[in-house]
């Protein structure tokens, strides 16, 4: 007889989880659509600057910010998603998201992967190769730091 309450509780929990995942449009986070990355206002500047920048034609957020192998990609997305949901639920949303060291490594590896020929030219030359690509090329993907190229939020009644 104890199995009935456990079964009912388990089914109720699964239904609640399913409704929550459906309401949050969970499956959108499994894909590569940059709009999913921009669901939180803290990403407005990064999304807007990417959208108007040179990389928008060639790369999505995942092309730069996640590994390309399937398992590491979804492990990275899961870890980041957990951190983002936790920040939202706990009300600890930062004014701007900054890359962690592990994220910097992923971005660096993806810069090299896409720009292999350029990297080989650099390695053959006299230029030192002891910094991240984005230290010199910071404005390429997202424009100047902290500056949105196009305002997203307008006061009601103003343009």
C-alpha atoms as a PDB file:
ATOM      1  CA  UNK A   1       0.000   0.000   0.000  1.00  0.00           C
ATOM      2  CA  UNK A   2       2.942   2.334   0.446  1.00  0.00           C
ATOM      3  CA  UNK A   3       3.683   2.056  -3.236  1.00  0.00           C
ATOM      4  CA  UNK A   4       0.571   4.014  -4.261  1.00  0.00           C
ATOM      5  CA  UNK A   5       1.609   7.321  -2.577  1.00  0.00           C
ATOM      6  CA  UNK A   6       5.158   6.932  -3.924  1.00  0.00           C
ATOM      7  CA  UNK A   7       3.803   6.258  -7.412  1.00  0.00           C
ATOM      8  CA  UNK A   8       1.412   9.227  -7.238  1.00  0.00           C
ATOM      9  CA  UNK A   9       4.196  11.483  -5.914  1.00  0.00           C
ATOM     10  CA  UNK A  10       6.585  10.329  -8.640  1.00  0.00           C
ATOM     11  CA  UNK A  11       4.021  10.906 -11.387  1.00  0.00           C
ATOM     12  CA  UNK A  12       3.163  14.347  -9.958  1.00  0.00           C
ATOM     13  CA  UNK A  13       6.857  15.262  -9.843  1.00  0.00           C
ATOM     14  CA  UNK A  14       7.385  14.142 -13.451  1.00  0.00           C
ATOM     15  CA  UNK A  15       4.325  16.098 -14.612  1.00  0.00           C
ATOM     16  CA  UNK A  16       5.499  19.222 -12.759  1.00  0.00           C
ATOM     17  CA  UNK A  17       8.995  18.860 -14.236  1.00  0.00           C
ATOM     18  CA  UNK A  18       7.539  18.358 -17.732  1.00  0.00           C
ATOM     19  CA  UNK A  19       5.345  21.455 -17.408  1.00  0.00           C
ATOM     20  CA  UNK A  20       8.297  23.509 -16.141  1.00  0.00           C
ATOM     21  CA  UNK A  21      10.546  22.364 -18.998  1.00  0.00           C
ATOM     22  CA  UNK A  22       7.800  23.033 -21.559  1.00  0.00           C
ATOM     23  CA  UNK A  23       7.019  26.469 -20.095  1.00  0.00           C
ATOM     24  CA  UNK A  24      10.717  27.412 -20.128  1.00  0.00           C
ATOM     25  CA  UNK A  25      11.003  26.215 -23.760  1.00  0.00           C
ATOM     26  CA  UNK A  26      13.817  23.946 -22.621  1.00  0.00           C
ATOM     27  CA  UNK A  27      14.456  22.390 -26.030  1.00  0.00           C
ATOM     28  CA  UNK A  28      15.469  25.770 -27.477  1.00  0.00           C
ATOM     29  CA  UNK A  29      18.591  25.606 -25.287  1.00  0.00           C
ATOM     30  CA  UNK A  30      19.640  22.324 -26.888  1.00  0.00           C
ATOM     31  CA  UNK A  31      20.032  23.919 -30.322  1.00  0.00           C
ATOM     32  CA  UNK A  32      22.279  26.596 -31.776  1.00  0.00           C
ATOM     33  CA  UNK A  33      19.834  29.526 -32.120  1.00  0.00           C
ATOM     34  CA  UNK A  34      21.486  32.645 -30.633  1.00  0.00           C
ATOM     35  CA  UNK A  35      18.037  33.928 -29.605  1.00  0.00           C
ATOM     36  CA  UNK A  36      18.020  31.237 -26.886  1.00  0.00           C
ATOM     37  CA  UNK A  37      21.228  32.712 -25.467  1.00  0.00           C
ATOM     38  CA  UNK A  38      19.550  36.113 -25.351  1.00  0.00           C
ATOM     39  CA  UNK A  39      16.602  35.078 -23.169  1.00  0.00           C
ATOM     40  CA  UNK A  40      18.118  36.900 -20.206  1.00  0.00           C
ATOM     41  CA  UNK A  41      18.537  40.690 -20.212  1.00  0.00           C
ATOM     42  CA  UNK A  42      22.136  40.367 -19.039  1.00  0.00           C
ATOM     43  CA  UNK A  43      22.986  39.021 -22.512  1.00  0.00           C
ATOM     44  CA  UNK A  44      21.446  41.956 -24.421  1.00  0.00           C
ATOM     45  CA  UNK A  45      24.722  43.755 -25.096  1.00  0.00           C
ATOM     46  CA  UNK A  46      26.593  40.588 -26.100  1.00  0.00           C
ATOM     47  CA  UNK A  47      23.777  39.452 -28.394  1.00  0.00           C
ATOM     48  CA  UNK A  48      23.229  42.856 -29.966  1.00  0.00           C
ATOM     49  CA  UNK A  49      26.924  43.444 -30.626  1.00  0.00           C
ATOM     50  CA  UNK A  50      27.304  39.921 -32.085  1.00  0.00           C
ATOM     51  CA  UNK A  51      24.197  40.421 -34.251  1.00  0.00           C
ATOM     52  CA  UNK A  52      25.667  43.571 -35.832  1.00  0.00           C
ATOM     53  CA  UNK A  53      29.268  42.314 -35.821  1.00  0.00           C
ATOM     54  CA  UNK A  54      31.276  40.486 -38.440  1.00  0.00           C
ATOM     55  CA  UNK A  55      30.900  37.013 -36.865  1.00  0.00           C
ATOM     56  CA  UNK A  56      27.079  36.942 -37.114  1.00  0.00           C
ATOM     57  CA  UNK A  57      27.298  35.773 -40.727  1.00  0.00           C
ATOM     58  CA  UNK A  58      29.652  32.910 -39.870  1.00  0.00           C
ATOM     59  CA  UNK A  59      29.199  31.817 -36.263  1.00  0.00           C
ATOM     60  CA  UNK A  60      26.550  31.320 -33.603  1.00  0.00           C
ATOM     61  CA  UNK A  61      27.170  31.579 -29.865  1.00  0.00           C
ATOM     62  CA  UNK A  62      27.891  27.848 -29.657  1.00  0.00           C
ATOM     63  CA  UNK A  63      30.480  28.008 -32.439  1.00  0.00           C
ATOM     64  CA  UNK A  64      32.668  30.128 -30.170  1.00  0.00           C
ATOM     65  CA  UNK A  65      31.517  29.386 -26.631  1.00  0.00           C
ATOM     66  CA  UNK A  66      31.105  25.580 -26.553  1.00  0.00           C
ATOM     67  CA  UNK A  67      33.304  22.669 -27.600  1.00  0.00           C
ATOM     68  CA  UNK A  68      32.367  21.099 -30.930  1.00  0.00           C
ATOM     69  CA  UNK A  69      32.456  17.465 -29.824  1.00  0.00           C
ATOM     70  CA  UNK A  70      28.922  16.384 -28.861  1.00  0.00           C
ATOM     71  CA  UNK A  71      29.487  15.191 -25.277  1.00  0.00           C
ATOM     72  CA  UNK A  72      31.731  18.097 -24.142  1.00  0.00           C
ATOM     73  CA  UNK A  73      29.368  20.550 -25.867  1.00  0.00           C
ATOM     74  CA  UNK A  74      26.323  19.395 -23.911  1.00  0.00           C
ATOM     75  CA  UNK A  75      28.300  19.036 -20.678  1.00  0.00           C
ATOM     76  CA  UNK A  76      29.379  22.681 -21.057  1.00  0.00           C
ATOM     77  CA  UNK A  77      25.821  23.780 -21.897  1.00  0.00           C
ATOM     78  CA  UNK A  78      24.471  21.841 -18.889  1.00  0.00           C
ATOM     79  CA  UNK A  79      26.984  23.385 -16.495  1.00  0.00           C
ATOM     80  CA  UNK A  80      26.336  26.900 -17.807  1.00  0.00           C
ATOM     81  CA  UNK A  81      22.584  26.352 -17.774  1.00  0.00           C
ATOM     82  CA  UNK A  82      22.701  25.203 -14.155  1.00  0.00           C
ATOM     83  CA  UNK A  83      24.702  28.291 -13.162  1.00  0.00           C
ATOM     84  CA  UNK A  84      22.321  30.583 -15.070  1.00  0.00           C
ATOM     85  CA  UNK A  85      19.150  29.014 -13.654  1.00  0.00           C
ATOM     86  CA  UNK A  86      20.626  29.088 -10.146  1.00  0.00           C
ATOM     87  CA  UNK A  87      21.489  32.782 -10.500  1.00  0.00           C
ATOM     88  CA  UNK A  88      17.978  33.530 -11.757  1.00  0.00           C
ATOM     89  CA  UNK A  89      16.213  31.529  -9.031  1.00  0.00           C
ATOM     90  CA  UNK A  90      18.410  32.946  -6.255  1.00  0.00           C
ATOM     91  CA  UNK A  91      18.191  36.497  -7.633  1.00  0.00           C
ATOM     92  CA  UNK A  92      21.973  36.689  -7.990  1.00  0.00           C
ATOM     93  CA  UNK A  93      22.040  37.883 -11.607  1.00  0.00           C
ATOM     94  CA  UNK A  94      25.240  39.801 -12.378  1.00  0.00           C
ATOM     95  CA  UNK A  95      25.054  43.082 -14.318  1.00  0.00           C
ATOM     96  CA  UNK A  96      27.335  41.472 -16.932  1.00  0.00           C
ATOM     97  CA  UNK A  97      28.426  37.906 -17.478  1.00  0.00           C
ATOM     98  CA  UNK A  98      32.184  37.474 -17.628  1.00  0.00           C
ATOM     99  CA  UNK A  99      33.924  34.432 -19.051  1.00  0.00           C
ATOM    100  CA  UNK A 100      35.399  31.950 -16.624  1.00  0.00           C
ATOM    101  CA  UNK A 101      38.852  30.502 -17.295  1.00  0.00           C
ATOM    102  CA  UNK A 102      37.304  27.312 -18.707  1.00  0.00           C
ATOM    103  CA  UNK A 103      35.220  29.453 -21.101  1.00  0.00           C
ATOM    104  CA  UNK A 104      38.296  31.386 -22.171  1.00  0.00           C
ATOM    105  CA  UNK A 105      40.040  28.128 -23.034  1.00  0.00           C
ATOM    106  CA  UNK A 106      37.059  26.985 -25.129  1.00  0.00           C
ATOM    107  CA  UNK A 107      36.894  30.298 -26.997  1.00  0.00           C
ATOM    108  CA  UNK A 108      40.649  30.161 -27.639  1.00  0.00           C
ATOM    109  CA  UNK A 109      40.425  26.617 -29.018  1.00  0.00           C
ATOM    110  CA  UNK A 110      37.551  27.651 -31.297  1.00  0.00           C
ATOM    111  CA  UNK A 111      39.410  30.740 -32.548  1.00  0.00           C
ATOM    112  CA  UNK A 112      42.316  28.492 -33.508  1.00  0.00           C
ATOM    113  CA  UNK A 113      40.008  25.874 -35.053  1.00  0.00           C
ATOM    114  CA  UNK A 114      38.285  28.388 -37.339  1.00  0.00           C
ATOM    115  CA  UNK A 115      41.338  30.469 -38.102  1.00  0.00           C
ATOM    116  CA  UNK A 116      43.876  27.651 -38.465  1.00  0.00           C
ATOM    117  CA  UNK A 117      45.634  29.128 -41.515  1.00  0.00           C
ATOM    118  CA  UNK A 118      46.053  32.514 -39.827  1.00  0.00           C
ATOM    119  CA  UNK A 119      47.349  30.872 -36.649  1.00  0.00           C
ATOM    120  CA  UNK A 120      49.907  28.913 -38.658  1.00  0.00           C
ATOM    121  CA  UNK A 121      51.056  32.168 -40.277  1.00  0.00           C
ATOM    122  CA  UNK A 122      51.426  33.744 -36.832  1.00  0.00           C
ATOM    123  CA  UNK A 123      53.362  30.750 -35.520  1.00  0.00           C
ATOM    124  CA  UNK A 124      55.702  30.903 -38.512  1.00  0.00           C
ATOM    125  CA  UNK A 125      56.332  34.611 -37.893  1.00  0.00           C
ATOM    126  CA  UNK A 126      57.978  36.604 -35.171  1.00  0.00           C
ATOM    127  CA  UNK A 127      54.782  37.269 -33.229  1.00  0.00           C
ATOM    128  CA  UNK A 128      54.603  35.791 -29.718  1.00  0.00           C
ATOM    129  CA  UNK A 129      51.853  33.229 -29.167  1.00  0.00           C
ATOM    130  CA  UNK A 130      51.438  33.444 -25.396  1.00  0.00           C
ATOM    131  CA  UNK A 131      48.108  35.283 -25.125  1.00  0.00           C
ATOM    132  CA  UNK A 132      44.490  34.549 -25.926  1.00  0.00           C
ATOM    133  CA  UNK A 133      43.403  35.567 -29.430  1.00  0.00           C
ATOM    134  CA  UNK A 134      40.634  37.726 -27.969  1.00  0.00           C
ATOM    135  CA  UNK A 135      43.084  39.807 -25.946  1.00  0.00           C
ATOM    136  CA  UNK A 136      44.065  41.568 -29.180  1.00  0.00           C
ATOM    137  CA  UNK A 137      40.868  40.885 -31.101  1.00  0.00           C
ATOM    138  CA  UNK A 138      38.364  41.581 -28.299  1.00  0.00           C
ATOM    139  CA  UNK A 139      36.137  43.819 -30.395  1.00  0.00           C
ATOM    140  CA  UNK A 140      35.813  41.452 -33.366  1.00  0.00           C
ATOM    141  CA  UNK A 141      32.914  39.295 -32.182  1.00  0.00           C
ATOM    142  CA  UNK A 142      31.111  41.634 -29.793  1.00  0.00           C
ATOM    143  CA  UNK A 143      32.261  45.193 -30.494  1.00  0.00           C
ATOM    144  CA  UNK A 144      33.602  47.543 -27.840  1.00  0.00           C
ATOM    145  CA  UNK A 145      33.194  46.199 -24.304  1.00  0.00           C
ATOM    146  CA  UNK A 146      30.056  47.388 -22.576  1.00  0.00           C
ATOM    147  CA  UNK A 147      28.664  49.285 -25.540  1.00  0.00           C
ATOM    148  CA  UNK A 148      25.575  48.041 -27.359  1.00  0.00           C
ATOM    149  CA  UNK A 149      25.641  48.917 -31.031  1.00  0.00           C
ATOM    150  CA  UNK A 150      21.864  49.383 -31.073  1.00  0.00           C
ATOM    151  CA  UNK A 151      19.737  50.172 -28.029  1.00  0.00           C
ATOM    152  CA  UNK A 152      17.293  47.366 -27.232  1.00  0.00           C
ATOM    153  CA  UNK A 153      15.165  48.988 -24.585  1.00  0.00           C
ATOM    154  CA  UNK A 154      13.257  52.139 -25.348  1.00  0.00           C
ATOM    155  CA  UNK A 155      11.228  54.240 -22.989  1.00  0.00           C
ATOM    156  CA  UNK A 156       7.522  53.931 -23.735  1.00  0.00           C
ATOM    157  CA  UNK A 157       6.522  56.676 -26.132  1.00  0.00           C
ATOM    158  CA  UNK A 158      10.082  57.569 -27.198  1.00  0.00           C
ATOM    159  CA  UNK A 159      12.055  56.397 -30.206  1.00  0.00           C
END
